[in-house]
Amino acid sequence: MKKKYTKKDIIKRASYKLHMTHNDCKIITDCILEIFEEMFTENKDSINIELRNFGVFSVFKTKERQNALNPRTKERVTIPERKKVVFKLSKKIKKKLYDK
């Protein structure tokens, strides 16, 4: 069974755990997400955001690819360089996730 969590679910859980109002938690969550957005979009070649006991977000540029092939038309195309975001879980969460 699949469960989809949204920002609203995060706010709801945080307000319950922190004994705060929904609106206060919404402001804090929006602020944190805005900070993440600013960090991800910085004009740097490589960015690492490390959250202890949670994981590491890595943002890096991919190289331009000259010899890519369009499978439908068999035409050679160039793929421009772009940024890629990767998330790596912490050992603590991996252990909880895979030991069950």
Foldseek 3Di string as FASTA:
>chain_A
DDDDDDPLNVLVVCCVVVVHDSVVSVVVSVVVVVVVVCQQPDPDQKGWDDDPQFWIKIKHKDCKDQQDADVVVRDGDIRHIDIDIDIDGDPNVVCVVPVD
